[in-house]
Amino acid sequence: MNMKDVIKSQYRASLGMMEQAIVKCPEALWDDRGKKNRYWHIAYHALFYTHLYVMPTEGAFTPWEKHIDEYQYMGRLPTPPHDPPQIGDPYSKEEVLAYYEQCRKQVDETVDSLDIEAESGFSWLPMGKLELQFYSIRHLQMHVGELCERLGSEANIDVDWMGMRPDVR
């Protein structure tokens, strides 16, 4: 069994569930400002970090062409004075789906070339590259679960479980 194929399979499964969560989200939930974190913002945050952490290093990362500074953060900014991020107008569902597609392709293009024996490539994450991929998949799936719970409890909409996605190329 090839470790990189396993990593890609689990990214694909989690990303496939993210795609469903985005597509199935009713407009009323997409930018519900009554929530601490808006639906679209959670999806974007999860995709941003998936895109970032599948790269070999921080320096190899180029943000999505429509990235708006601070939109990747939830909670307080990581640098002093640790203010809340400035989150303005939402990304549309179509924009987030386009970013999803870029992330999906990036996983397929990048994982095979990763040195999974190397360090993470990110100074704030003192771990190896292999562990970083598990960390990233867990982060993505945590937010997918958050979106699925919101869909289920507020709109009675289910997202199908995916154990693996070897069919997505």
N, C-alpha and C. Protein backbone atom coordinates (compact mmCIF):
# COMPACT_ATOMS: atom_id res chain seq x y z
N MET A 1 0.85 -1.18 0.00
CA MET A 1 0.00 0.00 0.00
C MET A 1 0.89 1.24 0.00
N ASN A 2 0.61 2.14 -0.92
CA ASN A 2 1.38 3.37 -1.06
C ASN A 2 0.81 4.43 -0.13
N MET A 3 1.66 4.96 0.77
CA MET A 3 1.21 5.95 1.77
C MET A 3 0.64 7.20 1.10
N LYS A 4 1.23 7.63 0.02
CA LYS A 4 0.75 8.84 -0.65
C LYS A 4 -0.63 8.62 -1.28
N ASP A 5 -0.88 7.41 -1.77
CA ASP A 5 -2.22 7.10 -2.29
C ASP A 5 -3.26 7.14 -1.17
N VAL A 6 -2.89 6.67 0.01
CA VAL A 6 -3.78 6.71 1.18
C VAL A 6 -4.07 8.16 1.57
N ILE A 7 -3.05 8.98 1.60
CA ILE A 7 -3.22 10.39 1.95
C ILE A 7 -4.16 11.06 0.96
N LYS A 8 -3.92 10.84 -0.34
CA LYS A 8 -4.78 11.45 -1.36
C LYS A 8 -6.22 10.95 -1.24
N SER A 9 -6.39 9.67 -0.99
CA SER A 9 -7.73 9.12 -0.84
C SER A 9 -8.51 9.80 0.28
N GLN A 10 -7.84 10.01 1.42
CA GLN A 10 -8.52 10.62 2.55
C GLN A 10 -8.75 12.11 2.35
N TYR A 11 -7.82 12.80 1.70
CA TYR A 11 -8.09 14.19 1.32
C TYR A 11 -9.30 14.24 0.39
N ARG A 12 -9.32 13.37 -0.62
CA ARG A 12 -10.42 13.37 -1.59
C ARG A 12 -11.76 13.12 -0.91
N ALA A 13 -11.78 12.18 0.03
CA ALA A 13 -13.03 11.89 0.73
C ALA A 13 -13.50 13.09 1.53
N SER A 14 -12.60 13.69 2.28
CA SER A 14 -12.97 14.87 3.08
C SER A 14 -13.37 16.03 2.18
N LEU A 15 -12.64 16.24 1.11
CA LEU A 15 -12.99 17.31 0.17
C LEU A 15 -14.31 17.01 -0.53
N GLY A 16 -14.58 15.74 -0.81
CA GLY A 16 -15.87 15.38 -1.41
C GLY A 16 -17.03 15.71 -0.48
N MET A 17 -16.84 15.48 0.80
CA MET A 17 -17.87 15.84 1.77
C MET A 17 -18.00 17.35 1.89
N MET A 18 -16.88 18.07 1.80
CA MET A 18 -16.92 19.53 1.80
C MET A 18 -17.71 20.03 0.60
N GLU A 19 -17.46 19.45 -0.56
CA GLU A 19 -18.20 19.86 -1.76
C GLU A 19 -19.71 19.70 -1.54
N GLN A 20 -20.11 18.55 -1.01
CA GLN A 20 -21.54 18.34 -0.74
C GLN A 20 -22.08 19.39 0.22
N ALA A 21 -21.32 19.68 1.27
CA ALA A 21 -21.77 20.65 2.28
C ALA A 21 -21.93 22.04 1.67
N ILE A 22 -21.07 22.38 0.75
CA ILE A 22 -21.18 23.69 0.08
C ILE A 22 -22.39 23.69 -0.86
N VAL A 23 -22.48 22.69 -1.70
CA VAL A 23 -23.56 22.63 -2.69
C VAL A 23 -24.93 22.60 -2.02
N LYS A 24 -25.06 21.84 -0.95
CA LYS A 24 -26.36 21.65 -0.31
C LYS A 24 -26.78 22.79 0.62
N CYS A 25 -25.87 23.72 0.88
CA CYS A 25 -26.18 24.79 1.83
C CYS A 25 -27.24 25.74 1.26
N PRO A 26 -28.36 25.91 1.98
CA PRO A 26 -29.37 26.88 1.54
C PRO A 26 -28.82 28.31 1.66
N GLU A 27 -29.29 29.17 0.80
CA GLU A 27 -28.83 30.56 0.82
C GLU A 27 -29.00 31.21 2.19
N ALA A 28 -30.07 30.87 2.90
CA ALA A 28 -30.32 31.48 4.21
C ALA A 28 -29.23 31.15 5.23
N LEU A 29 -28.56 30.01 5.08
CA LEU A 29 -27.48 29.63 5.99
C LEU A 29 -26.12 30.13 5.53
N TRP A 30 -25.94 30.36 4.24
CA TRP A 30 -24.63 30.66 3.67
C TRP A 30 -23.95 31.84 4.36
N ASP A 31 -24.70 32.91 4.57
CA ASP A 31 -24.12 34.11 5.19
C ASP A 31 -24.94 34.55 6.40
N ASP A 32 -25.39 33.59 7.19
CA ASP A 32 -26.17 33.90 8.40
C ASP A 32 -25.26 34.63 9.39
N ARG A 33 -25.48 35.93 9.52
CA ARG A 33 -24.63 36.76 10.38
C ARG A 33 -24.97 36.62 11.86
N GLY A 34 -25.99 35.82 12.16
CA GLY A 34 -26.34 35.56 13.54
C GLY A 34 -25.45 34.50 14.18
N LYS A 35 -24.61 33.89 13.40
CA LYS A 35 -23.69 32.86 13.89
C LYS A 35 -22.32 33.47 14.17
N LYS A 36 -21.62 32.90 15.13
CA LYS A 36 -20.27 33.39 15.43
C LYS A 36 -19.39 33.30 14.18
N ASN A 37 -19.44 32.17 13.50
CA ASN A 37 -18.70 31.99 12.25
C ASN A 37 -19.70 31.65 11.16
N ARG A 38 -19.69 32.45 10.11
CA ARG A 38 -20.62 32.23 9.01
C ARG A 38 -20.23 30.98 8.22
N TYR A 39 -21.21 30.34 7.66
CA TYR A 39 -21.04 29.07 6.95
C TYR A 39 -19.95 29.17 5.90
N TRP A 40 -20.05 30.17 5.02
CA TRP A 40 -19.08 30.33 3.94
C TRP A 40 -17.67 30.53 4.50
N HIS A 41 -17.57 31.21 5.64
CA HIS A 41 -16.28 31.51 6.23
C HIS A 41 -15.62 30.23 6.76
N ILE A 42 -16.41 29.36 7.35
CA ILE A 42 -15.87 28.08 7.83
C ILE A 42 -15.35 27.27 6.64
N ALA A 43 -16.14 27.21 5.57
CA ALA A 43 -15.72 26.46 4.38
C ALA A 43 -14.43 27.05 3.80
N TYR A 44 -14.38 28.36 3.69
CA TYR A 44 -13.18 29.00 3.13
C TYR A 44 -11.96 28.75 4.01
N HIS A 45 -12.11 28.92 5.30
CA HIS A 45 -11.02 28.68 6.25
C HIS A 45 -10.46 27.27 6.08
N ALA A 46 -11.33 26.28 6.04
CA ALA A 46 -10.89 24.89 5.91
C ALA A 46 -10.17 24.66 4.59
N LEU A 47 -10.68 25.23 3.51
CA LEU A 47 -10.04 25.06 2.21
C LEU A 47 -8.70 25.79 2.16
N PHE A 48 -8.63 26.97 2.74
CA PHE A 48 -7.37 27.73 2.75
C PHE A 48 -6.26 26.90 3.39
N TYR A 49 -6.54 26.33 4.56
CA TYR A 49 -5.49 25.58 5.25
C TYR A 49 -5.21 24.23 4.59
N THR A 50 -6.18 23.65 3.94
CA THR A 50 -5.90 22.45 3.15
C THR A 50 -4.93 22.80 2.03
N HIS A 51 -5.20 23.87 1.34
CA HIS A 51 -4.34 24.35 0.25
C HIS A 51 -2.93 24.65 0.78
N LEU A 52 -2.85 25.35 1.89
CA LEU A 52 -1.55 25.72 2.46
C LEU A 52 -0.74 24.50 2.87
N TYR A 53 -1.34 23.61 3.64
CA TYR A 53 -0.57 22.52 4.25
C TYR A 53 -0.25 21.37 3.32
N VAL A 54 -0.83 21.37 2.13
CA VAL A 54 -0.44 20.35 1.15
C VAL A 54 0.78 20.81 0.35
N MET A 55 1.20 22.05 0.58
CA MET A 55 2.39 22.58 -0.10
C MET A 55 3.66 22.10 0.63
N PRO A 56 4.77 22.02 -0.09
CA PRO A 56 6.01 21.55 0.57
C PRO A 56 6.49 22.47 1.68
N THR A 57 6.31 23.79 1.50
CA THR A 57 6.75 24.76 2.50
C THR A 57 5.84 25.99 2.44
N GLU A 58 5.94 26.80 3.45
CA GLU A 58 5.20 28.07 3.46
C GLU A 58 5.60 28.92 2.25
N GLY A 59 6.87 28.95 1.92
CA GLY A 59 7.36 29.74 0.80
C GLY A 59 6.85 29.28 -0.55
N ALA A 60 6.45 28.03 -0.66
CA ALA A 60 5.94 27.49 -1.92
C ALA A 60 4.46 27.80 -2.13
N PHE A 61 3.83 28.37 -1.12
CA PHE A 61 2.38 28.63 -1.16
C PHE A 61 2.08 29.95 -1.84
N THR A 62 1.13 29.92 -2.76
CA THR A 62 0.59 31.13 -3.38
C THR A 62 -0.90 31.13 -3.09
N PRO A 63 -1.41 32.15 -2.39
CA PRO A 63 -2.84 32.17 -2.07
C PRO A 63 -3.71 32.16 -3.34
N TRP A 64 -4.91 31.70 -3.16
CA TRP A 64 -5.93 31.69 -4.20
C TRP A 64 -6.04 33.10 -4.78
N GLU A 65 -6.31 33.20 -6.04
CA GLU A 65 -6.36 34.51 -6.72
C GLU A 65 -7.40 35.46 -6.14
N LYS A 66 -8.45 34.94 -5.50
CA LYS A 66 -9.48 35.80 -4.92
C LYS A 66 -9.34 35.94 -3.40
N HIS A 67 -8.21 35.48 -2.86
CA HIS A 67 -8.00 35.55 -1.41
C HIS A 67 -8.06 37.00 -0.92
N ILE A 68 -8.72 37.20 0.19
CA ILE A 68 -8.78 38.49 0.87
C ILE A 68 -8.07 38.31 2.21
N ASP A 69 -7.09 39.18 2.46
CA ASP A 69 -6.30 39.07 3.68
C ASP A 69 -7.20 39.02 4.92
N GLU A 70 -6.88 38.14 5.81
CA GLU A 70 -7.54 37.86 7.09
C GLU A 70 -8.75 36.94 6.96
N TYR A 71 -9.26 36.68 5.77
CA TYR A 71 -10.42 35.79 5.62
C TYR A 71 -10.10 34.35 6.02
N GLN A 72 -8.83 33.98 6.04
CA GLN A 72 -8.46 32.62 6.40
C GLN A 72 -8.57 32.36 7.90
N TYR A 73 -8.63 33.42 8.69
CA TYR A 73 -8.60 33.26 10.14
C TYR A 73 -10.00 33.16 10.74
N MET A 74 -10.08 32.33 11.78
CA MET A 74 -11.26 32.26 12.64
C MET A 74 -10.73 32.53 14.05
N GLY A 75 -11.49 33.20 14.86
CA GLY A 75 -10.96 33.59 16.17
C GLY A 75 -10.08 34.80 15.99
N ARG A 76 -9.12 34.95 16.85
CA ARG A 76 -8.24 36.13 16.81
C ARG A 76 -7.06 35.91 15.88
N LEU A 77 -6.50 37.02 15.40
CA LEU A 77 -5.32 36.94 14.54
C LEU A 77 -4.15 36.37 15.32
N PRO A 78 -3.27 35.62 14.65
CA PRO A 78 -2.16 34.99 15.37
C PRO A 78 -1.04 35.95 15.76
N THR A 79 -1.04 37.16 15.25
CA THR A 79 0.01 38.12 15.57
C THR A 79 -0.54 39.28 16.39
N PRO A 80 0.28 39.86 17.25
CA PRO A 80 -0.18 40.98 18.07
C PRO A 80 -0.71 42.11 17.19
N PRO A 81 -1.75 42.77 17.61
CA PRO A 81 -2.38 42.74 18.92
C PRO A 81 -3.49 41.69 19.05
N HIS A 82 -3.51 40.70 18.17
CA HIS A 82 -4.46 39.57 18.23
C HIS A 82 -5.92 40.03 18.13
N ASP A 83 -6.16 40.99 17.27
CA ASP A 83 -7.52 41.46 17.03
C ASP A 83 -8.32 40.39 16.28
N PRO A 84 -9.63 40.50 16.30
CA PRO A 84 -10.44 39.60 15.45
C PRO A 84 -10.16 39.93 13.98
N PRO A 85 -10.25 38.94 13.10
CA PRO A 85 -10.04 39.23 11.68
C PRO A 85 -11.15 40.13 11.14
N GLN A 86 -10.82 40.90 10.14
CA GLN A 86 -11.80 41.76 9.48
C GLN A 86 -12.45 40.95 8.36
N ILE A 87 -13.66 40.52 8.60
CA ILE A 87 -14.39 39.71 7.63
C ILE A 87 -15.53 40.54 7.07
N GLY A 88 -15.45 40.83 5.79
CA GLY A 88 -16.45 41.68 5.15
C GLY A 88 -17.44 40.87 4.34
N ASP A 89 -17.58 41.25 3.09
CA ASP A 89 -18.54 40.59 2.21
C ASP A 89 -18.18 39.12 2.03
N PRO A 90 -19.19 38.28 1.92
CA PRO A 90 -18.93 36.85 1.77
C PRO A 90 -18.46 36.49 0.37
N TYR A 91 -17.76 35.38 0.30
CA TYR A 91 -17.53 34.76 -1.00
C TYR A 91 -18.86 34.10 -1.39
N SER A 92 -19.13 34.06 -2.67
CA SER A 92 -20.33 33.37 -3.15
C SER A 92 -20.10 31.86 -3.10
N LYS A 93 -21.15 31.13 -3.18
CA LYS A 93 -21.06 29.67 -3.21
C LYS A 93 -20.22 29.24 -4.42
N GLU A 94 -20.43 29.90 -5.56
CA GLU A 94 -19.68 29.56 -6.77
C GLU A 94 -18.19 29.82 -6.58
N GLU A 95 -17.84 30.91 -5.90
CA GLU A 95 -16.43 31.20 -5.66
C GLU A 95 -15.80 30.15 -4.74
N VAL A 96 -16.49 29.77 -3.70
CA VAL A 96 -15.94 28.77 -2.78
C VAL A 96 -15.85 27.41 -3.47
N LEU A 97 -16.81 27.09 -4.33
CA LEU A 97 -16.71 25.84 -5.10
C LEU A 97 -15.53 25.88 -6.07
N ALA A 98 -15.24 27.03 -6.64
CA ALA A 98 -14.07 27.16 -7.52
C ALA A 98 -12.79 26.94 -6.71
N TYR A 99 -12.75 27.48 -5.49
CA TYR A 99 -11.58 27.28 -4.64
C TYR A 99 -11.47 25.81 -4.22
N TYR A 100 -12.61 25.19 -3.91
CA TYR A 100 -12.63 23.75 -3.61
C TYR A 100 -11.97 22.98 -4.76
N GLU A 101 -12.36 23.30 -5.99
CA GLU A 101 -11.83 22.59 -7.16
C GLU A 101 -10.31 22.79 -7.26
N GLN A 102 -9.85 23.99 -7.00
CA GLN A 102 -8.40 24.25 -7.02
C GLN A 102 -7.70 23.40 -5.96
N CYS A 103 -8.27 23.33 -4.76
CA CYS A 103 -7.67 22.55 -3.67
C CYS A 103 -7.66 21.07 -4.02
N ARG A 104 -8.73 20.58 -4.60
CA ARG A 104 -8.81 19.17 -4.99
C ARG A 104 -7.70 18.84 -5.99
N LYS A 105 -7.54 19.70 -6.97
CA LYS A 105 -6.48 19.48 -7.97
C LYS A 105 -5.10 19.60 -7.33
N GLN A 106 -4.94 20.54 -6.41
CA GLN A 106 -3.65 20.74 -5.74
C GLN A 106 -3.23 19.50 -4.97
N VAL A 107 -4.18 18.85 -4.31
CA VAL A 107 -3.88 17.60 -3.59
C VAL A 107 -3.31 16.58 -4.57
N ASP A 108 -3.99 16.38 -5.70
CA ASP A 108 -3.53 15.38 -6.67
C ASP A 108 -2.18 15.75 -7.27
N GLU A 109 -1.94 17.04 -7.49
CA GLU A 109 -0.69 17.48 -8.11
C GLU A 109 0.48 17.49 -7.14
N THR A 110 0.21 17.67 -5.85
CA THR A 110 1.29 17.93 -4.90
C THR A 110 1.68 16.74 -4.04
N VAL A 111 0.72 15.96 -3.59
CA VAL A 111 1.02 14.90 -2.61
C VAL A 111 2.09 13.93 -3.12
N ASP A 112 2.02 13.55 -4.39
CA ASP A 112 3.00 12.59 -4.91
C ASP A 112 4.43 13.10 -4.82
N SER A 113 4.61 14.42 -4.87
CA SER A 113 5.97 14.97 -4.84
C SER A 113 6.43 15.36 -3.43
N LEU A 114 5.57 15.23 -2.42
CA LEU A 114 5.97 15.59 -1.06
C LEU A 114 7.00 14.61 -0.51
N ASP A 115 7.97 15.14 0.20
CA ASP A 115 8.91 14.30 0.93
C ASP A 115 8.30 14.08 2.31
N ILE A 116 7.64 12.96 2.49
CA ILE A 116 6.93 12.73 3.75
C ILE A 116 7.86 12.44 4.91
N GLU A 117 9.15 12.36 4.64
CA GLU A 117 10.15 12.21 5.70
C GLU A 117 10.69 13.56 6.16
N ALA A 118 10.36 14.64 5.43
CA ALA A 118 10.88 15.97 5.75
C ALA A 118 10.13 16.59 6.92
N GLU A 119 10.66 17.72 7.39
CA GLU A 119 9.95 18.52 8.39
C GLU A 119 8.71 19.13 7.73
N SER A 120 7.81 19.66 8.53
CA SER A 120 6.53 20.16 8.03
C SER A 120 6.67 21.24 6.96
N GLY A 121 7.69 22.09 7.10
CA GLY A 121 7.84 23.21 6.17
C GLY A 121 7.15 24.48 6.67
N PHE A 122 6.60 24.40 7.89
CA PHE A 122 5.88 25.53 8.49
C PHE A 122 6.40 25.72 9.90
N SER A 123 7.01 26.88 10.15
CA SER A 123 7.70 27.12 11.42
C SER A 123 6.80 26.96 12.64
N TRP A 124 5.52 27.23 12.52
CA TRP A 124 4.60 27.15 13.65
C TRP A 124 4.07 25.72 13.88
N LEU A 125 4.49 24.78 13.04
CA LEU A 125 4.05 23.40 13.20
C LEU A 125 5.27 22.49 13.26
N PRO A 126 5.81 22.28 14.48
CA PRO A 126 7.02 21.47 14.64
C PRO A 126 6.71 19.97 14.58
N MET A 127 6.51 19.50 13.37
CA MET A 127 6.21 18.08 13.14
C MET A 127 6.75 17.72 11.77
N GLY A 128 6.71 16.46 11.44
CA GLY A 128 7.13 16.02 10.11
C GLY A 128 6.03 16.21 9.08
N LYS A 129 6.40 16.10 7.82
CA LYS A 129 5.47 16.30 6.71
C LYS A 129 4.34 15.26 6.72
N LEU A 130 4.65 14.01 7.05
CA LEU A 130 3.61 12.99 7.09
C LEU A 130 2.57 13.33 8.16
N GLU A 131 3.03 13.66 9.36
CA GLU A 131 2.09 14.02 10.41
C GLU A 131 1.29 15.26 10.03
N LEU A 132 1.92 16.20 9.33
CA LEU A 132 1.20 17.40 8.89
C LEU A 132 0.03 17.03 7.99
N GLN A 133 0.18 16.01 7.16
CA GLN A 133 -0.91 15.63 6.27
C GLN A 133 -2.08 15.06 7.08
N PHE A 134 -1.79 14.26 8.10
CA PHE A 134 -2.85 13.76 8.98
C PHE A 134 -3.52 14.93 9.72
N TYR A 135 -2.71 15.84 10.21
CA TYR A 135 -3.19 17.03 10.91
C TYR A 135 -4.13 17.83 10.00
N SER A 136 -3.71 18.02 8.76
CA SER A 136 -4.49 18.80 7.81
C SER A 136 -5.81 18.12 7.46
N ILE A 137 -5.78 16.83 7.25
CA ILE A 137 -7.01 16.09 6.95
C ILE A 137 -7.96 16.14 8.15
N ARG A 138 -7.43 16.00 9.37
CA ARG A 138 -8.28 16.11 10.57
C ARG A 138 -8.91 17.50 10.67
N HIS A 139 -8.12 18.54 10.37
CA HIS A 139 -8.63 19.91 10.41
C HIS A 139 -9.76 20.09 9.39
N LEU A 140 -9.52 19.65 8.19
CA LEU A 140 -10.54 19.74 7.15
C LEU A 140 -11.80 19.00 7.57
N GLN A 141 -11.66 17.77 8.04
CA GLN A 141 -12.84 16.98 8.39
C GLN A 141 -13.57 17.55 9.60
N MET A 142 -12.84 18.16 10.53
CA MET A 142 -13.50 18.80 11.68
C MET A 142 -14.46 19.88 11.19
N HIS A 143 -14.01 20.70 10.26
CA HIS A 143 -14.86 21.77 9.76
C HIS A 143 -15.97 21.24 8.85
N VAL A 144 -15.70 20.18 8.11
CA VAL A 144 -16.78 19.54 7.35
C VAL A 144 -17.86 19.06 8.32
N GLY A 145 -17.45 18.46 9.42
CA GLY A 145 -18.41 18.01 10.43
C GLY A 145 -19.21 19.17 10.99
N GLU A 146 -18.54 20.27 11.22
CA GLU A 146 -19.22 21.47 11.73
C GLU A 146 -20.29 21.94 10.73
N LEU A 147 -19.95 21.97 9.46
CA LEU A 147 -20.91 22.39 8.44
C LEU A 147 -22.05 21.38 8.31
N CYS A 148 -21.73 20.10 8.38
CA CYS A 148 -22.76 19.06 8.30
C CYS A 148 -23.73 19.16 9.47
N GLU A 149 -23.20 19.42 10.65
CA GLU A 149 -24.07 19.56 11.82
C GLU A 149 -25.00 20.74 11.62
N ARG A 150 -24.50 21.84 11.12
CA ARG A 150 -25.33 23.02 10.89
C ARG A 150 -26.40 22.73 9.84
N LEU A 151 -26.02 22.05 8.77
CA LEU A 151 -27.01 21.69 7.75
C LEU A 151 -28.10 20.80 8.33
N GLY A 152 -27.70 19.82 9.12
CA GLY A 152 -28.66 18.89 9.69
C GLY A 152 -29.58 19.53 10.71
N SER A 153 -29.02 20.31 11.61
CA SER A 153 -29.83 20.88 12.68
C SER A 153 -30.67 22.06 12.24
N GLU A 154 -30.21 22.81 11.24
CA GLU A 154 -30.94 24.01 10.85
C GLU A 154 -31.73 23.88 9.56
N ALA A 155 -31.39 22.89 8.74
CA ALA A 155 -32.09 22.75 7.46
C ALA A 155 -32.53 21.32 7.18
N ASN A 156 -32.28 20.40 8.12
CA ASN A 156 -32.63 19.00 7.95
C ASN A 156 -32.08 18.41 6.65
N ILE A 157 -30.82 18.77 6.36
CA ILE A 157 -30.14 18.31 5.15
C ILE A 157 -28.97 17.44 5.58
N ASP A 158 -28.85 16.29 4.93
CA ASP A 158 -27.76 15.36 5.22
C ASP A 158 -26.68 15.43 4.15
N VAL A 159 -25.45 15.15 4.57
CA VAL A 159 -24.32 15.00 3.67
C VAL A 159 -23.90 13.54 3.75
N ASP A 160 -23.66 12.93 2.61
CA ASP A 160 -23.28 11.52 2.57
C ASP A 160 -21.85 11.33 3.05
N TRP A 161 -21.65 10.28 3.85
CA TRP A 161 -20.32 9.91 4.32
C TRP A 161 -19.53 9.35 3.15
N MET A 162 -18.25 9.69 3.08
CA MET A 162 -17.33 9.13 2.09
C MET A 162 -16.14 8.56 2.84
N GLY A 163 -15.90 7.29 2.68
CA GLY A 163 -14.77 6.65 3.33
C GLY A 163 -13.49 6.83 2.55
N MET A 164 -13.61 6.87 1.22
CA MET A 164 -12.47 7.14 0.34
C MET A 164 -13.02 7.56 -1.00
N ARG A 165 -12.19 8.23 -1.76
CA ARG A 165 -12.61 8.70 -3.08
C ARG A 165 -11.54 8.37 -4.12
N PRO A 166 -11.30 7.10 -4.40
CA PRO A 166 -10.27 6.80 -5.39
C PRO A 166 -10.70 7.17 -6.80
N ASP A 167 -11.99 7.41 -7.01
CA ASP A 167 -12.51 7.69 -8.34
C ASP A 167 -12.28 9.14 -8.77
N VAL A 168 -11.94 10.02 -7.84
CA VAL A 168 -11.78 11.43 -8.17
C VAL A 168 -10.35 11.66 -8.65
N ARG A 169 -10.18 12.10 -9.83
CA ARG A 169 -8.84 12.33 -10.40
C ARG A 169 -8.69 13.76 -10.82
